[in-house]
C-alpha atoms as a PDB file:
ATOM      1  CA  MET A   1       7.703  14.729  -8.468  1.00  0.00           C
ATOM      2  CA  GLN A   2       5.707  13.444 -11.406  1.00  0.00           C
ATOM      3  CA  SER A   3       3.363  10.498 -11.150  1.00  0.00           C
ATOM      4  CA  VAL A   4       4.808   7.115 -12.055  1.00  0.00           C
ATOM      5  CA  ALA A   5       3.270   3.804 -12.991  1.00  0.00           C
ATOM      6  CA  VAL A   6       3.532   1.134 -10.337  1.00  0.00           C
ATOM      7  CA  ALA A   7       3.895  -2.553 -11.138  1.00  0.00           C
ATOM      8  CA  PRO A   8       0.514  -4.115 -12.033  1.00  0.00           C
ATOM      9  CA  ASN A   9       1.622  -7.542 -10.800  1.00  0.00           C
ATOM     10  CA  LEU A  10       2.480  -6.073  -7.399  1.00  0.00           C
ATOM     11  CA  ILE A  11      -0.855  -4.252  -7.232  1.00  0.00           C
ATOM     12  CA  ASP A  12      -2.552  -7.591  -7.898  1.00  0.00           C
ATOM     13  CA  ARG A  13      -0.412  -9.235  -5.219  1.00  0.00           C
ATOM     14  CA  VAL A  14      -1.333  -6.578  -2.633  1.00  0.00           C
ATOM     15  CA  GLU A  15      -4.996  -7.144  -3.421  1.00  0.00           C
ATOM     16  CA  GLN A  16      -4.747 -10.948  -3.293  1.00  0.00           C
ATOM     17  CA  THR A  17      -2.752 -10.869  -0.069  1.00  0.00           C
ATOM     18  CA  ALA A  18      -5.211  -8.507   1.641  1.00  0.00           C
ATOM     19  CA  LEU A  19      -8.173 -10.596   0.527  1.00  0.00           C
ATOM     20  CA  GLY A  20      -6.403 -13.728   1.766  1.00  0.00           C
ATOM     21  CA  LEU A  21      -6.185 -12.072   5.187  1.00  0.00           C
ATOM     22  CA  GLY A  22      -9.917 -11.351   5.106  1.00  0.00           C
ATOM     23  CA  LEU A  23      -9.416  -7.616   4.559  1.00  0.00           C
ATOM     24  CA  SER A  24     -11.386  -5.395   2.220  1.00  0.00           C
ATOM     25  CA  VAL A  25      -9.607  -3.770  -0.707  1.00  0.00           C
ATOM     26  CA  LYS A  26     -10.062  -0.697  -2.832  1.00  0.00           C
ATOM     27  CA  ARG A  27      -7.735   0.374  -5.611  1.00  0.00           C
ATOM     28  CA  ILE A  28      -7.068   4.082  -5.482  1.00  0.00           C
ATOM     29  CA  PRO A  29      -4.855   6.340  -7.599  1.00  0.00           C
ATOM     30  CA  SER A  30      -2.287   8.435  -5.783  1.00  0.00           C
ATOM     31  CA  GLY A  31      -0.609  11.520  -7.126  1.00  0.00           C
ATOM     32  CA  ALA A  32       1.335  12.154  -3.943  1.00  0.00           C
ATOM     33  CA  GLY A  33       5.133  12.173  -4.029  1.00  0.00           C
ATOM     34  CA  HIS A  34       5.768   8.938  -2.170  1.00  0.00           C
ATOM     35  CA  ASP A  35       9.024   7.030  -2.020  1.00  0.00           C
ATOM     36  CA  ALA A  36       7.512   4.648  -4.560  1.00  0.00           C
ATOM     37  CA  GLY A  37       7.921   7.425  -7.129  1.00  0.00           C
ATOM     38  CA  LEU A  38      11.683   7.350  -6.619  1.00  0.00           C
ATOM     39  CA  ILE A  39      11.947   3.576  -6.356  1.00  0.00           C
ATOM     40  CA  ALA A  40       9.844   2.920  -9.477  1.00  0.00           C
ATOM     41  CA  ALA A  41      12.674   4.219 -11.658  1.00  0.00           C
ATOM     42  CA  MET A  42      14.952   1.463 -10.321  1.00  0.00           C
ATOM     43  CA  ALA A  43      12.710  -1.430  -9.372  1.00  0.00           C
ATOM     44  CA  PRO A  44       9.080  -2.534  -9.515  1.00  0.00           C
ATOM     45  CA  SER A  45       7.078  -0.827  -6.800  1.00  0.00           C
ATOM     46  CA  THR A  46       3.615  -0.424  -5.383  1.00  0.00           C
ATOM     47  CA  MET A  47       1.983   1.029  -2.289  1.00  0.00           C
ATOM     48  CA  ILE A  48      -0.152  -0.416   0.470  1.00  0.00           C
ATOM     49  CA  PHE A  49      -2.656   2.075   1.819  1.00  0.00           C
ATOM     50  CA  VAL A  50      -4.409   1.746   5.169  1.00  0.00           C
ATOM     51  CA  PRO A  51      -7.557   3.638   6.152  1.00  0.00           C
ATOM     52  CA  SER A  52      -7.360   6.920   8.023  1.00  0.00           C
ATOM     53  CA  VAL A  53     -10.199   7.782  10.396  1.00  0.00           C
ATOM     54  CA  SER A  54     -12.655  10.122   8.647  1.00  0.00           C
ATOM     55  CA  GLY A  55     -10.510   9.924   5.506  1.00  0.00           C
ATOM     56  CA  ILE A  56      -8.111  12.589   6.820  1.00  0.00           C
ATOM     57  CA  SER A  57      -4.686  12.085   5.286  1.00  0.00           C
ATOM     58  CA  HIS A  58      -1.435  14.050   5.130  1.00  0.00           C
ATOM     59  CA  ASN A  59      -2.641  16.284   7.943  1.00  0.00           C
ATOM     60  CA  VAL A  60      -1.804  16.695  11.642  1.00  0.00           C
ATOM     61  CA  ASP A  61      -5.289  15.361  12.411  1.00  0.00           C
ATOM     62  CA  GLU A  62      -4.634  12.113  10.532  1.00  0.00           C
ATOM     63  CA  TYR A  63      -5.185   9.004  12.645  1.00  0.00           C
ATOM     64  CA  THR A  64      -5.050   5.333  11.735  1.00  0.00           C
ATOM     65  CA  THR A  65      -6.091   2.732  14.257  1.00  0.00           C
ATOM     66  CA  PRO A  66      -3.495   0.297  15.575  1.00  0.00           C
ATOM     67  CA  GLU A  67      -5.574  -2.540  14.077  1.00  0.00           C
ATOM     68  CA  ASP A  68      -5.434  -1.011  10.588  1.00  0.00           C
ATOM     69  CA  LEU A  69      -1.689  -0.380  10.943  1.00  0.00           C
ATOM     70  CA  GLU A  70      -1.215  -4.018  11.943  1.00  0.00           C
ATOM     71  CA  ASN A  71      -3.296  -5.169   8.976  1.00  0.00           C
ATOM     72  CA  GLY A  72      -1.176  -3.114   6.568  1.00  0.00           C
ATOM     73  CA  ALA A  73       2.035  -4.429   8.117  1.00  0.00           C
ATOM     74  CA  ASN A  74       0.752  -8.000   7.796  1.00  0.00           C
ATOM     75  CA  VAL A  75      -0.023  -7.476   4.108  1.00  0.00           C
ATOM     76  CA  LEU A  76       3.529  -6.208   3.594  1.00  0.00           C
ATOM     77  CA  LEU A  77       5.055  -9.065   5.611  1.00  0.00           C
ATOM     78  CA  ARG A  78       3.142 -11.751   3.721  1.00  0.00           C
ATOM     79  CA  MET A  79       4.024 -10.184   0.390  1.00  0.00           C
ATOM     80  CA  LEU A  80       7.718 -10.077   1.284  1.00  0.00           C
ATOM     81  CA  LEU A  81       7.639 -13.709   2.401  1.00  0.00           C
ATOM     82  CA  GLN A  82       5.908 -14.737  -0.839  1.00  0.00           C
ATOM     83  CA  LEU A  83       8.384 -12.798  -2.975  1.00  0.00           C
ATOM     84  CA  ALA A  84      11.318 -14.336  -1.110  1.00  0.00           C
ATOM     85  CA  MET A  85      10.232 -17.886  -2.031  1.00  0.00           C
END
């Protein structure tokens, strides 16, 4: 799958939502073949990344703490609620 552009306004919204929850943010490029690559052809999309311990990702040793998973889910929930208004 080729890389696709995600929606800049949604990237901004992810960042603003995370900051509003007191979380740190870092914009990172991703060349991985995520579902967003398929969705972007039909609708605006973006991705919310959460930290993996020791930076290990896409590997059997990948681990993300329950707290970081909850934080990512809360960013998604708040964004969905905002977009629904």
